[in-house]
N, C-alpha and C. Protein backbone atom coordinates (compact mmCIF):
# COMPACT_ATOMS: atom_id res chain seq x y z
N MET A 1 -52.60 45.18 5.11
CA MET A 1 -52.39 44.24 6.15
C MET A 1 -50.89 44.07 5.99
N PRO A 2 -50.37 44.59 7.15
CA PRO A 2 -48.97 44.86 7.24
C PRO A 2 -47.91 43.62 7.30
N GLN A 3 -48.61 42.33 7.80
CA GLN A 3 -48.03 41.15 7.80
C GLN A 3 -47.71 40.67 6.31
N LEU A 4 -48.12 41.19 5.53
CA LEU A 4 -48.06 40.66 4.05
C LEU A 4 -46.80 41.40 3.14
N ASN A 5 -46.36 42.45 4.04
CA ASN A 5 -45.13 43.06 3.49
C ASN A 5 -43.93 42.37 3.85
N PRO A 6 -43.23 41.73 2.51
CA PRO A 6 -42.25 40.79 3.01
C PRO A 6 -40.70 41.62 3.23
N ALA A 7 -40.82 43.03 3.10
CA ALA A 7 -39.63 43.76 3.26
C ALA A 7 -38.81 43.63 4.42
N PRO A 8 -39.54 43.75 5.85
CA PRO A 8 -38.58 43.70 6.85
C PRO A 8 -38.15 42.23 7.27
N TRP A 9 -39.28 41.31 6.76
CA TRP A 9 -39.07 39.94 7.36
C TRP A 9 -38.21 39.23 6.45
N LEU A 10 -38.28 39.54 5.21
CA LEU A 10 -37.05 38.81 4.24
C LEU A 10 -35.70 39.25 4.69
N ALA A 11 -35.45 40.55 5.23
CA ALA A 11 -34.06 40.89 5.65
C ALA A 11 -34.01 40.08 6.99
N ILE A 12 -34.83 40.20 7.91
CA ILE A 12 -34.37 39.22 9.07
C ILE A 12 -34.28 37.84 8.79
N LEU A 13 -35.04 37.20 7.83
CA LEU A 13 -34.70 35.87 7.56
C LEU A 13 -33.31 35.52 6.82
N LEU A 14 -33.26 36.58 6.08
CA LEU A 14 -31.68 36.37 5.31
C LEU A 14 -30.58 36.67 6.22
N PHE A 15 -30.57 37.64 7.13
CA PHE A 15 -29.72 37.85 8.26
C PHE A 15 -29.41 36.42 9.27
N SER A 16 -30.65 36.10 9.76
CA SER A 16 -30.55 35.10 10.53
C SER A 16 -30.09 33.78 9.94
N TRP A 17 -30.15 33.58 8.84
CA TRP A 17 -29.48 32.48 7.97
C TRP A 17 -28.17 32.75 7.77
N LEU A 18 -27.83 33.67 7.60
CA LEU A 18 -26.48 34.17 7.48
C LEU A 18 -25.80 33.91 8.81
N MET A 19 -26.20 34.28 10.00
CA MET A 19 -25.63 34.08 11.15
C MET A 19 -25.57 32.46 11.26
N PHE A 20 -26.54 31.79 11.14
CA PHE A 20 -26.59 30.26 11.26
C PHE A 20 -25.45 29.65 10.64
N LEU A 21 -25.20 30.13 9.33
CA LEU A 21 -24.48 29.47 8.57
C LEU A 21 -22.76 30.02 8.55
N THR A 22 -22.75 31.15 9.07
CA THR A 22 -21.25 31.67 9.09
C THR A 22 -20.87 31.63 10.66
N ILE A 23 -21.50 32.39 11.43
CA ILE A 23 -20.91 32.48 12.95
C ILE A 23 -20.81 31.43 13.64
N ILE A 24 -22.21 30.81 13.87
CA ILE A 24 -22.50 29.74 14.82
C ILE A 24 -21.59 28.36 14.57
N PRO A 25 -21.58 28.11 13.32
CA PRO A 25 -20.77 26.73 13.25
C PRO A 25 -19.19 26.96 13.58
N THR A 26 -18.65 28.27 13.40
CA THR A 26 -17.37 28.20 13.60
C THR A 26 -17.38 28.49 15.19
N LYS A 27 -18.17 28.89 15.94
CA LYS A 27 -18.13 28.61 17.46
C LYS A 27 -18.20 27.28 17.99
N VAL A 28 -19.18 26.50 17.28
CA VAL A 28 -19.45 25.06 17.86
C VAL A 28 -18.14 24.24 17.41
N MET A 29 -17.74 24.54 16.41
CA MET A 29 -16.61 23.42 15.77
C MET A 29 -15.28 23.99 16.67
N GLY A 30 -15.07 25.32 17.17
CA GLY A 30 -13.83 25.35 17.87
C GLY A 30 -14.02 25.13 19.48
N HIS A 31 -15.18 24.52 19.71
CA HIS A 31 -15.49 24.17 21.19
C HIS A 31 -14.34 22.94 21.55
N LEU A 32 -13.64 22.93 22.75
CA LEU A 32 -12.82 21.82 23.08
C LEU A 32 -13.65 21.05 24.30
N TYR A 33 -13.36 19.94 24.48
CA TYR A 33 -14.03 18.92 25.30
C TYR A 33 -12.90 18.89 26.39
N SER A 34 -13.35 18.84 27.61
CA SER A 34 -12.42 18.97 28.70
C SER A 34 -12.10 17.59 29.06
N ASN A 35 -12.85 16.47 28.61
CA ASN A 35 -12.61 15.11 28.88
C ASN A 35 -12.41 14.48 27.67
N GLU A 36 -11.29 14.11 27.20
CA GLU A 36 -10.94 13.43 25.86
C GLU A 36 -11.69 11.83 26.18
N PRO A 37 -12.24 11.53 25.13
CA PRO A 37 -12.65 9.90 25.18
C PRO A 37 -11.47 8.89 25.13
N SER A 38 -11.98 7.95 26.10
CA SER A 38 -10.65 6.74 26.24
C SER A 38 -11.34 5.67 25.48
N VAL A 39 -9.97 4.96 25.07
CA VAL A 39 -10.36 3.47 24.18
C VAL A 39 -10.68 2.56 25.15
N GLN A 40 -11.96 1.83 25.07
CA GLN A 40 -12.34 1.06 25.72
C GLN A 40 -12.00 -0.65 25.30
N SER A 41 -11.86 -1.36 26.34
CA SER A 41 -11.22 -2.80 25.77
C SER A 41 -12.25 -3.40 25.00
N ALA A 42 -11.96 -4.27 24.24
CA ALA A 42 -12.73 -5.02 23.12
C ALA A 42 -13.45 -6.00 24.00
N GLU A 43 -12.83 -6.49 25.16
CA GLU A 43 -13.66 -7.51 26.00
C GLU A 43 -14.79 -7.05 26.61
N LYS A 44 -15.83 -7.71 26.50
CA LYS A 44 -17.25 -7.31 27.12
C LYS A 44 -17.22 -7.65 28.51
N PRO A 45 -17.77 -6.91 29.54
CA PRO A 45 -17.69 -7.45 30.85
C PRO A 45 -18.95 -8.50 31.27
N LYS A 46 -18.49 -9.46 32.03
CA LYS A 46 -19.49 -10.68 32.15
C LYS A 46 -20.61 -9.83 33.05
N PRO A 47 -21.93 -10.03 32.76
CA PRO A 47 -22.98 -9.51 33.57
C PRO A 47 -23.24 -10.38 34.94
N GLU A 48 -23.47 -9.59 35.79
CA GLU A 48 -23.44 -10.31 37.00
C GLU A 48 -25.06 -10.52 37.06
N PRO A 49 -25.53 -11.66 37.82
CA PRO A 49 -26.81 -12.09 37.93
C PRO A 49 -27.53 -11.23 39.15
N TRP A 50 -28.69 -10.65 39.05
CA TRP A 50 -29.55 -9.88 39.98
C TRP A 50 -29.74 -10.74 41.21
N ASN A 51 -29.75 -10.02 42.21
CA ASN A 51 -29.98 -10.78 43.48
C ASN A 51 -31.47 -10.16 43.78
N TRP A 52 -32.78 -11.04 43.73
CA TRP A 52 -33.98 -10.36 43.99
C TRP A 52 -34.12 -10.83 45.44
N PRO A 53 -34.27 -9.77 46.21
CA PRO A 53 -34.39 -10.09 47.75
C PRO A 53 -35.99 -10.71 48.01
N TRP A 54 -36.78 -10.85 47.19
CA TRP A 54 -38.20 -11.25 47.58
C TRP A 54 -38.57 -12.68 47.20
N TYR A 55 -37.46 -13.38 46.68
CA TYR A 55 -37.85 -14.98 46.57
C TYR A 55 -36.67 -15.85 47.14
């Protein structure tokens, strides 16, 4: 039964985890956002009542 032979699958598993832990985080952390978040005011806006047209 060839699926029980761990030799090729163990190498694939280790190589994929090596990629996930070394290459991908550096690419994700190096991403720059085009729109920087702005500070919102601490004052909450007053909600407007809804105009229900059917009553």
